[in-house]
Amino acid sequence: MSEKKTREITLPSGAVASIREGKGRDLLAATRAAGGPNDPMKIAFGLIAALVTIDGRGLVIEDVEDMDLADVFKLQGEVMGNGVSLPASTLPS
């Protein structure tokens, strides 16, 4: 079994975040946790919760919602990458 790749960053708040490499299953789990594909921001928060630990502690979506905005922006950039976006809503307009 392959070793999970992780990297550590220090957030603007001073907390240390460990971010593991994501898989497709993480996106599926985040989409389920968000209640479906129609809330891209909540899916992004779900991915952060799935892939990040803060000072060694796992997260849930509500933890991400309660974080300082600067930390959220930093984690979104690290988890989502530059120029990566989530699929658009599947609901008809």
PDB file of N, CA and C in Angstrom:
ATOM      1  N   MET A   1       0.840  -1.169   0.000  1.00  0.00           N
ATOM      2  CA  MET A   1       0.000   0.000   0.000  1.00  0.00           C
ATOM      3  C   MET A   1       0.889   1.238   0.000  1.00  0.00           C
ATOM      4  N   SER A   2       0.526   2.254  -0.799  1.00  0.00           N
ATOM      5  CA  SER A   2       1.380   3.429  -0.913  1.00  0.00           C
ATOM      6  C   SER A   2       1.199   4.374   0.267  1.00  0.00           C
ATOM      7  N   GLU A   3       2.257   5.080   0.581  1.00  0.00           N
ATOM      8  CA  GLU A   3       2.243   6.034   1.675  1.00  0.00           C
ATOM      9  C   GLU A   3       1.501   7.298   1.236  1.00  0.00           C
ATOM     10  N   LYS A   4       0.677   7.846   2.141  1.00  0.00           N
ATOM     11  CA  LYS A   4      -0.055   9.063   1.820  1.00  0.00           C
ATOM     12  C   LYS A   4       0.902  10.244   1.818  1.00  0.00           C
ATOM     13  N   LYS A   5       0.801  11.074   0.780  1.00  0.00           N
ATOM     14  CA  LYS A   5       1.636  12.260   0.683  1.00  0.00           C
ATOM     15  C   LYS A   5       0.957  13.399   1.422  1.00  0.00           C
ATOM     16  N   THR A   6       1.705  14.053   2.306  1.00  0.00           N
ATOM     17  CA  THR A   6       1.187  15.196   3.041  1.00  0.00           C
ATOM     18  C   THR A   6       2.208  16.318   3.020  1.00  0.00           C
ATOM     19  N   ARG A   7       1.695  17.536   3.240  1.00  0.00           N
ATOM     20  CA  ARG A   7       2.579  18.686   3.390  1.00  0.00           C
ATOM     21  C   ARG A   7       2.032  19.537   4.533  1.00  0.00           C
ATOM     22  N   GLU A   8       2.898  20.280   5.162  1.00  0.00           N
ATOM     23  CA  GLU A   8       2.486  21.135   6.266  1.00  0.00           C
ATOM     24  C   GLU A   8       2.661  22.594   5.888  1.00  0.00           C
ATOM     25  N   ILE A   9       1.693  23.410   6.340  1.00  0.00           N
ATOM     26  CA  ILE A   9       1.776  24.856   6.160  1.00  0.00           C
ATOM     27  C   ILE A   9       1.383  25.518   7.476  1.00  0.00           C
ATOM     28  N   THR A  10       1.850  26.730   7.652  1.00  0.00           N
ATOM     29  CA  THR A  10       1.410  27.525   8.787  1.00  0.00           C
ATOM     30  C   THR A  10       0.369  28.509   8.289  1.00  0.00           C
ATOM     31  N   LEU A  11      -0.788  28.498   8.930  1.00  0.00           N
ATOM     32  CA  LEU A  11      -1.887  29.378   8.541  1.00  0.00           C
ATOM     33  C   LEU A  11      -1.674  30.776   9.098  1.00  0.00           C
ATOM     34  N   PRO A  12      -2.365  31.783   8.557  1.00  0.00           N
ATOM     35  CA  PRO A  12      -2.236  33.148   9.078  1.00  0.00           C
ATOM     36  C   PRO A  12      -2.495  33.245  10.583  1.00  0.00           C
ATOM     37  N   SER A  13      -3.353  32.374  11.118  1.00  0.00           N
ATOM     38  CA  SER A  13      -3.649  32.379  12.555  1.00  0.00           C
ATOM     39  C   SER A  13      -2.506  31.812  13.383  1.00  0.00           C
ATOM     40  N   GLY A  14      -1.534  31.180  12.732  1.00  0.00           N
ATOM     41  CA  GLY A  14      -0.423  30.548  13.428  1.00  0.00           C
ATOM     42  C   GLY A  14      -0.590  29.046  13.608  1.00  0.00           C
ATOM     43  N   ALA A  15      -1.787  28.533  13.344  1.00  0.00           N
ATOM     44  CA  ALA A  15      -2.024  27.092  13.451  1.00  0.00           C
ATOM     45  C   ALA A  15      -1.266  26.370  12.335  1.00  0.00           C
ATOM     46  N   VAL A  16      -0.869  25.131  12.606  1.00  0.00           N
ATOM     47  CA  VAL A  16      -0.167  24.321  11.621  1.00  0.00           C
ATOM     48  C   VAL A  16      -1.156  23.347  10.997  1.00  0.00           C
ATOM     49  N   ALA A  17      -1.266  23.418   9.677  1.00  0.00           N
ATOM     50  CA  ALA A  17      -2.166  22.546   8.932  1.00  0.00           C
ATOM     51  C   ALA A  17      -1.359  21.502   8.188  1.00  0.00           C
ATOM     52  N   SER A  18      -1.799  20.260   8.284  1.00  0.00           N
ATOM     53  CA  SER A  18      -1.228  19.159   7.514  1.00  0.00           C
ATOM     54  C   SER A  18      -2.257  18.809   6.445  1.00  0.00           C
ATOM     55  N   ILE A  19      -1.827  18.820   5.182  1.00  0.00           N
ATOM     56  CA  ILE A  19      -2.730  18.602   4.063  1.00  0.00           C
ATOM     57  C   ILE A  19      -2.287  17.353   3.324  1.00  0.00           C
ATOM     58  N   ARG A  20      -3.180  16.379   3.239  1.00  0.00           N
ATOM     59  CA  ARG A  20      -2.830  15.156   2.521  1.00  0.00           C
ATOM     60  C   ARG A  20      -3.305  15.259   1.078  1.00  0.00           C
ATOM     61  N   GLU A  21      -2.671  14.483   0.229  1.00  0.00           N
ATOM     62  CA  GLU A  21      -3.038  14.438  -1.183  1.00  0.00           C
ATOM     63  C   GLU A  21      -4.435  13.839  -1.318  1.00  0.00           C
ATOM     64  N   GLY A  22      -5.289  14.497  -2.093  1.00  0.00           N
ATOM     65  CA  GLY A  22      -6.664  14.048  -2.253  1.00  0.00           C
ATOM     66  C   GLY A  22      -6.836  12.996  -3.336  1.00  0.00           C
ATOM     67  N   LYS A  23      -7.944  12.309  -3.249  1.00  0.00           N
ATOM     68  CA  LYS A  23      -8.344  11.287  -4.219  1.00  0.00           C
ATOM     69  C   LYS A  23      -9.774  11.586  -4.661  1.00  0.00           C
ATOM     70  N   GLY A  24     -10.201  10.930  -5.719  1.00  0.00           N
ATOM     71  CA  GLY A  24     -11.569  11.090  -6.200  1.00  0.00           C
ATOM     72  C   GLY A  24     -12.597  10.766  -5.136  1.00  0.00           C
ATOM     73  N   ARG A  25     -12.304   9.774  -4.319  1.00  0.00           N
ATOM     74  CA  ARG A  25     -13.245   9.391  -3.254  1.00  0.00           C
ATOM     75  C   ARG A  25     -13.439  10.528  -2.260  1.00  0.00           C
ATOM     76  N   ASP A  26     -12.415  11.374  -2.082  1.00  0.00           N
ATOM     77  CA  ASP A  26     -12.560  12.520  -1.186  1.00  0.00           C
ATOM     78  C   ASP A  26     -13.556  13.527  -1.744  1.00  0.00           C
ATOM     79  N   LEU A  27     -13.517  13.725  -3.065  1.00  0.00           N
ATOM     80  CA  LEU A  27     -14.474  14.628  -3.701  1.00  0.00           C
ATOM     81  C   LEU A  27     -15.893  14.074  -3.583  1.00  0.00           C
ATOM     82  N   LEU A  28     -16.052  12.780  -3.785  1.00  0.00           N
ATOM     83  CA  LEU A  28     -17.376  12.167  -3.631  1.00  0.00           C
ATOM     84  C   LEU A  28     -17.892  12.327  -2.203  1.00  0.00           C
ATOM     85  N   ALA A  29     -17.037  12.070  -1.223  1.00  0.00           N
ATOM     86  CA  ALA A  29     -17.448  12.200   0.182  1.00  0.00           C
ATOM     87  C   ALA A  29     -17.800  13.649   0.516  1.00  0.00           C
ATOM     88  N   ALA A  30     -17.025  14.606   0.003  1.00  0.00           N
ATOM     89  CA  ALA A  30     -17.309  16.019   0.253  1.00  0.00           C
ATOM     90  C   ALA A  30     -18.630  16.429  -0.381  1.00  0.00           C
ATOM     91  N   THR A  31     -18.913  15.899  -1.564  1.00  0.00           N
ATOM     92  CA  THR A  31     -20.176  16.200  -2.241  1.00  0.00           C
ATOM     93  C   THR A  31     -21.350  15.639  -1.449  1.00  0.00           C
ATOM     94  N   ARG A  32     -21.198  14.435  -0.936  1.00  0.00           N
ATOM     95  CA  ARG A  32     -22.251  13.846  -0.097  1.00  0.00           C
ATOM     96  C   ARG A  32     -22.443  14.660   1.181  1.00  0.00           C
ATOM     97  N   ALA A  33     -21.346  15.041   1.826  1.00  0.00           N
ATOM     98  CA  ALA A  33     -21.425  15.815   3.069  1.00  0.00           C
ATOM     99  C   ALA A  33     -22.078  17.175   2.839  1.00  0.00           C
ATOM    100  N   ALA A  34     -21.925  17.706   1.620  1.00  0.00           N
ATOM    101  CA  ALA A  34     -22.517  19.000   1.282  1.00  0.00           C
ATOM    102  C   ALA A  34     -23.981  18.871   0.898  1.00  0.00           C
ATOM    103  N   GLY A  35     -24.493  17.653   0.841  1.00  0.00           N
ATOM    104  CA  GLY A  35     -25.884  17.448   0.488  1.00  0.00           C
ATOM    105  C   GLY A  35     -26.134  17.401  -1.003  1.00  0.00           C
ATOM    106  N   GLY A  36     -25.098  17.198  -1.787  1.00  0.00           N
ATOM    107  CA  GLY A  36     -25.239  17.109  -3.240  1.00  0.00           C
ATOM    108  C   GLY A  36     -24.343  18.092  -3.948  1.00  0.00           C
ATOM    109  N   PRO A  37     -24.405  18.082  -5.287  1.00  0.00           N
ATOM    110  CA  PRO A  37     -23.464  18.870  -6.093  1.00  0.00           C
ATOM    111  C   PRO A  37     -23.844  20.335  -6.279  1.00  0.00           C
ATOM    112  N   ASN A  38     -24.894  20.788  -5.633  1.00  0.00           N
ATOM    113  CA  ASN A  38     -25.415  22.117  -5.925  1.00  0.00           C
ATOM    114  C   ASN A  38     -24.889  23.228  -5.028  1.00  0.00           C
ATOM    115  N   ASP A  39     -23.935  22.918  -4.162  1.00  0.00           N
ATOM    116  CA  ASP A  39     -23.358  23.941  -3.284  1.00  0.00           C
ATOM    117  C   ASP A  39     -21.827  23.837  -3.348  1.00  0.00           C
ATOM    118  N   PRO A  40     -21.215  24.406  -4.406  1.00  0.00           N
ATOM    119  CA  PRO A  40     -19.768  24.268  -4.589  1.00  0.00           C
ATOM    120  C   PRO A  40     -18.941  24.760  -3.403  1.00  0.00           C
ATOM    121  N   MET A  41     -19.383  25.805  -2.724  1.00  0.00           N
ATOM    122  CA  MET A  41     -18.617  26.310  -1.571  1.00  0.00           C
ATOM    123  C   MET A  41     -18.619  25.277  -0.447  1.00  0.00           C
ATOM    124  N   LYS A  42     -19.753  24.670  -0.195  1.00  0.00           N
ATOM    125  CA  LYS A  42     -19.814  23.663   0.861  1.00  0.00           C
ATOM    126  C   LYS A  42     -18.997  22.428   0.473  1.00  0.00           C
ATOM    127  N   ILE A  43     -18.968  22.099  -0.819  1.00  0.00           N
ATOM    128  CA  ILE A  43     -18.121  20.995  -1.274  1.00  0.00           C
ATOM    129  C   ILE A  43     -16.654  21.326  -1.014  1.00  0.00           C
ATOM    130  N   ALA A  44     -16.246  22.556  -1.307  1.00  0.00           N
ATOM    131  CA  ALA A  44     -14.861  22.972  -1.050  1.00  0.00           C
ATOM    132  C   ALA A  44     -14.552  22.865   0.438  1.00  0.00           C
ATOM    133  N   PHE A  45     -15.489  23.289   1.292  1.00  0.00           N
ATOM    134  CA  PHE A  45     -15.282  23.172   2.738  1.00  0.00           C
ATOM    135  C   PHE A  45     -15.196  21.701   3.140  1.00  0.00           C
ATOM    136  N   GLY A  46     -15.992  20.844   2.479  1.00  0.00           N
ATOM    137  CA  GLY A  46     -15.936  19.412   2.759  1.00  0.00           C
ATOM    138  C   GLY A  46     -14.602  18.809   2.375  1.00  0.00           C
ATOM    139  N   LEU A  47     -14.045  19.260   1.255  1.00  0.00           N
ATOM    140  CA  LEU A  47     -12.717  18.790   0.858  1.00  0.00           C
ATOM    141  C   LEU A  47     -11.656  19.226   1.863  1.00  0.00           C
ATOM    142  N   ILE A  48     -11.748  20.467   2.303  1.00  0.00           N
ATOM    143  CA  ILE A  48     -10.800  20.938   3.319  1.00  0.00           C
ATOM    144  C   ILE A  48     -10.913  20.051   4.553  1.00  0.00           C
ATOM    145  N   ALA A  49     -12.154  19.806   4.996  1.00  0.00           N
ATOM    146  CA  ALA A  49     -12.352  18.978   6.194  1.00  0.00           C
ATOM    147  C   ALA A  49     -11.799  17.571   6.002  1.00  0.00           C
ATOM    148  N   ALA A  50     -11.926  17.028   4.789  1.00  0.00           N
ATOM    149  CA  ALA A  50     -11.466  15.665   4.525  1.00  0.00           C
ATOM    150  C   ALA A  50      -9.947  15.551   4.436  1.00  0.00           C
ATOM    151  N   LEU A  51      -9.297  16.597   3.946  1.00  0.00           N
ATOM    152  CA  LEU A  51      -7.870  16.505   3.627  1.00  0.00           C
ATOM    153  C   LEU A  51      -6.941  17.175   4.628  1.00  0.00           C
ATOM    154  N   VAL A  52      -7.497  17.962   5.538  1.00  0.00           N
ATOM    155  CA  VAL A  52      -6.668  18.790   6.407  1.00  0.00           C
ATOM    156  C   VAL A  52      -6.832  18.395   7.873  1.00  0.00           C
ATOM    157  N   THR A  53      -5.720  18.406   8.587  1.00  0.00           N
ATOM    158  CA  THR A  53      -5.757  18.375  10.047  1.00  0.00           C
ATOM    159  C   THR A  53      -5.103  19.663  10.531  1.00  0.00           C
ATOM    160  N   ILE A  54      -5.608  20.198  11.616  1.00  0.00           N
ATOM    161  CA  ILE A  54      -5.071  21.426  12.207  1.00  0.00           C
ATOM    162  C   ILE A  54      -4.485  21.069  13.562  1.00  0.00           C
ATOM    163  N   ASP A  55      -3.202  21.333  13.725  1.00  0.00           N
ATOM    164  CA  ASP A  55      -2.503  20.995  14.968  1.00  0.00           C
ATOM    165  C   ASP A  55      -2.805  19.547  15.373  1.00  0.00           C
ATOM    166  N   GLY A  56      -2.864  18.639  14.372  1.00  0.00           N
ATOM    167  CA  GLY A  56      -3.063  17.217  14.612  1.00  0.00           C
ATOM    168  C   GLY A  56      -4.500  16.782  14.793  1.00  0.00           C
ATOM    169  N   ARG A  57      -5.451  17.700  14.694  1.00  0.00           N
ATOM    170  CA  ARG A  57      -6.865  17.386  14.927  1.00  0.00           C
ATOM    171  C   ARG A  57      -7.623  17.373  13.607  1.00  0.00           C
ATOM    172  N   GLY A  58      -8.420  16.328  13.380  1.00  0.00           N
ATOM    173  CA  GLY A  58      -9.255  16.247  12.192  1.00  0.00           C
ATOM    174  C   GLY A  58     -10.357  17.291  12.213  1.00  0.00           C
ATOM    175  N   LEU A  59     -10.944  17.552  11.047  1.00  0.00           N
ATOM    176  CA  LEU A  59     -11.954  18.590  10.914  1.00  0.00           C
ATOM    177  C   LEU A  59     -13.264  18.037  10.378  1.00  0.00           C
ATOM    178  N   VAL A  60     -14.338  18.765  10.624  1.00  0.00           N
ATOM    179  CA  VAL A  60     -15.623  18.577   9.963  1.00  0.00           C
ATOM    180  C   VAL A  60     -15.969  19.911   9.303  1.00  0.00           C
ATOM    181  N   ILE A  61     -16.959  19.892   8.413  1.00  0.00           N
ATOM    182  CA  ILE A  61     -17.316  21.107   7.671  1.00  0.00           C
ATOM    183  C   ILE A  61     -17.569  22.282   8.606  1.00  0.00           C
ATOM    184  N   GLU A  62     -18.235  22.040   9.711  1.00  0.00           N
ATOM    185  CA  GLU A  62     -18.556  23.127  10.652  1.00  0.00           C
ATOM    186  C   GLU A  62     -17.296  23.778  11.221  1.00  0.00           C
ATOM    187  N   ASP A  63     -16.223  23.005  11.378  1.00  0.00           N
ATOM    188  CA  ASP A  63     -14.952  23.585  11.829  1.00  0.00           C
ATOM    189  C   ASP A  63     -14.437  24.591  10.808  1.00  0.00           C
ATOM    190  N   VAL A  64     -14.535  24.234   9.535  1.00  0.00           N
ATOM    191  CA  VAL A  64     -14.073  25.120   8.472  1.00  0.00           C
ATOM    192  C   VAL A  64     -14.932  26.387   8.443  1.00  0.00           C
ATOM    193  N   GLU A  65     -16.250  26.225   8.611  1.00  0.00           N
ATOM    194  CA  GLU A  65     -17.160  27.373   8.637  1.00  0.00           C
ATOM    195  C   GLU A  65     -16.807  28.354   9.760  1.00  0.00           C
ATOM    196  N   ASP A  66     -16.275  27.848  10.867  1.00  0.00           N
ATOM    197  CA  ASP A  66     -15.960  28.684  12.024  1.00  0.00           C
ATOM    198  C   ASP A  66     -14.539  29.252  12.009  1.00  0.00           C
ATOM    199  N   MET A  67     -13.735  28.896  11.004  1.00  0.00           N
ATOM    200  CA  MET A  67     -12.351  29.392  10.924  1.00  0.00           C
ATOM    201  C   MET A  67     -12.302  30.855  10.523  1.00  0.00           C
ATOM    202  N   ASP A  68     -11.192  31.497  10.899  1.00  0.00           N
ATOM    203  CA  ASP A  68     -10.921  32.850  10.419  1.00  0.00           C
ATOM    204  C   ASP A  68     -10.871  32.822   8.898  1.00  0.00           C
ATOM    205  N   LEU A  69     -11.383  33.868   8.274  1.00  0.00           N
ATOM    206  CA  LEU A  69     -11.464  33.919   6.818  1.00  0.00           C
ATOM    207  C   LEU A  69     -10.093  33.794   6.157  1.00  0.00           C
ATOM    208  N   ALA A  70      -9.072  34.401   6.746  1.00  0.00           N
ATOM    209  CA  ALA A  70      -7.728  34.310   6.168  1.00  0.00           C
ATOM    210  C   ALA A  70      -7.255  32.855   6.115  1.00  0.00           C
ATOM    211  N   ASP A  71      -7.562  32.087   7.154  1.00  0.00           N
ATOM    212  CA  ASP A  71      -7.197  30.666   7.171  1.00  0.00           C
ATOM    213  C   ASP A  71      -7.978  29.895   6.111  1.00  0.00           C
ATOM    214  N   VAL A  72      -9.268  30.206   5.969  1.00  0.00           N
ATOM    215  CA  VAL A  72     -10.092  29.528   4.965  1.00  0.00           C
ATOM    216  C   VAL A  72      -9.549  29.797   3.571  1.00  0.00           C
ATOM    217  N   PHE A  73      -9.234  31.063   3.274  1.00  0.00           N
ATOM    218  CA  PHE A  73      -8.694  31.397   1.951  1.00  0.00           C
ATOM    219  C   PHE A  73      -7.392  30.649   1.687  1.00  0.00           C
ATOM    220  N   LYS A  74      -6.523  30.602   2.686  1.00  0.00           N
ATOM    221  CA  LYS A  74      -5.246  29.902   2.533  1.00  0.00           C
ATOM    222  C   LYS A  74      -5.471  28.412   2.256  1.00  0.00           C
ATOM    223  N   LEU A  75      -6.358  27.796   3.023  1.00  0.00           N
ATOM    224  CA  LEU A  75      -6.632  26.376   2.837  1.00  0.00           C
ATOM    225  C   LEU A  75      -7.324  26.097   1.511  1.00  0.00           C
ATOM    226  N   GLN A  76      -8.237  26.966   1.090  1.00  0.00           N
ATOM    227  CA  GLN A  76      -8.872  26.773  -0.215  1.00  0.00           C
ATOM    228  C   GLN A  76      -7.827  26.775  -1.325  1.00  0.00           C
ATOM    229  N   GLY A  77      -6.903  27.709  -1.263  1.00  0.00           N
ATOM    230  CA  GLY A  77      -5.854  27.766  -2.274  1.00  0.00           C
ATOM    231  C   GLY A  77      -4.986  26.535  -2.269  1.00  0.00           C
ATOM    232  N   GLU A  78      -4.656  26.039  -1.095  1.00  0.00           N
ATOM    233  CA  GLU A  78      -3.805  24.858  -0.976  1.00  0.00           C
ATOM    234  C   GLU A  78      -4.524  23.590  -1.420  1.00  0.00           C
ATOM    235  N   VAL A  79      -5.793  23.450  -1.052  1.00  0.00           N
ATOM    236  CA  VAL A  79      -6.547  22.237  -1.362  1.00  0.00           C
ATOM    237  C   VAL A  79      -7.050  22.244  -2.799  1.00  0.00           C
ATOM    238  N   MET A  80      -7.585  23.371  -3.241  1.00  0.00           N
ATOM    239  CA  MET A  80      -8.180  23.450  -4.572  1.00  0.00           C
ATOM    240  C   MET A  80      -7.132  23.710  -5.647  1.00  0.00           C
ATOM    241  N   GLY A  81      -6.009  24.301  -5.284  1.00  0.00           N
ATOM    242  CA  GLY A  81      -4.971  24.609  -6.251  1.00  0.00           C
ATOM    243  C   GLY A  81      -5.303  25.852  -7.051  1.00  0.00           C
ATOM    244  N   ASN A  82      -4.374  26.293  -7.829  1.00  0.00           N
ATOM    245  CA  ASN A  82      -4.568  27.480  -8.655  1.00  0.00           C
ATOM    246  C   ASN A  82      -5.381  27.131  -9.887  1.00  0.00           C
ATOM    247  N   GLY A  83      -6.452  27.863 -10.092  1.00  0.00           N
ATOM    248  CA  GLY A  83      -7.251  27.697 -11.296  1.00  0.00           C
ATOM    249  C   GLY A  83      -8.161  26.486 -11.306  1.00  0.00           C
ATOM    250  N   VAL A  84      -8.208  25.729 -10.224  1.00  0.00           N
ATOM    251  CA  VAL A  84      -9.081  24.563 -10.162  1.00  0.00           C
ATOM    252  C   VAL A  84     -10.444  25.009  -9.646  1.00  0.00           C
ATOM    253  N   SER A  85     -11.492  24.539 -10.292  1.00  0.00           N
ATOM    254  CA  SER A  85     -12.825  24.881  -9.820  1.00  0.00           C
ATOM    255  C   SER A  85     -13.669  23.623  -9.747  1.00  0.00           C
ATOM    256  N   LEU A  86     -14.708  23.705  -8.945  1.00  0.00           N
ATOM    257  CA  LEU A  86     -15.631  22.593  -8.824  1.00  0.00           C
ATOM    258  C   LEU A  86     -16.627  22.625  -9.963  1.00  0.00           C
ATOM    259  N   PRO A  87     -17.213  21.487 -10.314  1.00  0.00           N
ATOM    260  CA  PRO A  87     -18.224  21.472 -11.366  1.00  0.00           C
ATOM    261  C   PRO A  87     -19.377  22.391 -11.029  1.00  0.00           C
ATOM    262  N   ALA A  88     -19.969  23.005 -12.047  1.00  0.00           N
ATOM    263  CA  ALA A  88     -21.130  23.874 -11.854  1.00  0.00           C
ATOM    264  C   ALA A  88     -22.319  23.048 -11.406  1.00  0.00           C
ATOM    265  N   SER A  89     -23.290  23.719 -10.851  1.00  0.00           N
ATOM    266  CA  SER A  89     -24.513  23.067 -10.415  1.00  0.00           C
ATOM    267  C   SER A  89     -25.158  22.306 -11.569  1.00  0.00           C
ATOM    268  N   THR A  90     -25.799  21.208 -11.236  1.00  0.00           N
ATOM    269  CA  THR A  90     -26.479  20.418 -12.258  1.00  0.00           C
ATOM    270  C   THR A  90     -27.946  20.793 -12.387  1.00  0.00           C
ATOM    271  N   LEU A  91     -28.397  21.731 -11.551  1.00  0.00           N
ATOM    272  CA  LEU A  91     -29.782  22.164 -11.653  1.00  0.00           C
ATOM    273  C   LEU A  91     -29.976  23.044 -12.886  1.00  0.00           C
ATOM    274  N   PRO A  92     -31.096  22.873 -13.578  1.00  0.00           N
ATOM    275  CA  PRO A  92     -31.369  23.759 -14.708  1.00  0.00           C
ATOM    276  C   PRO A  92     -31.620  25.176 -14.225  1.00  0.00           C
ATOM    277  N   SER A  93     -31.244  26.152 -15.028  1.00  0.00           N
ATOM    278  CA  SER A  93     -31.446  27.538 -14.614  1.00  0.00           C
ATOM    279  C   SER A  93     -32.819  28.046 -14.981  1.00  0.00           C
TER     280      SER A  93
END
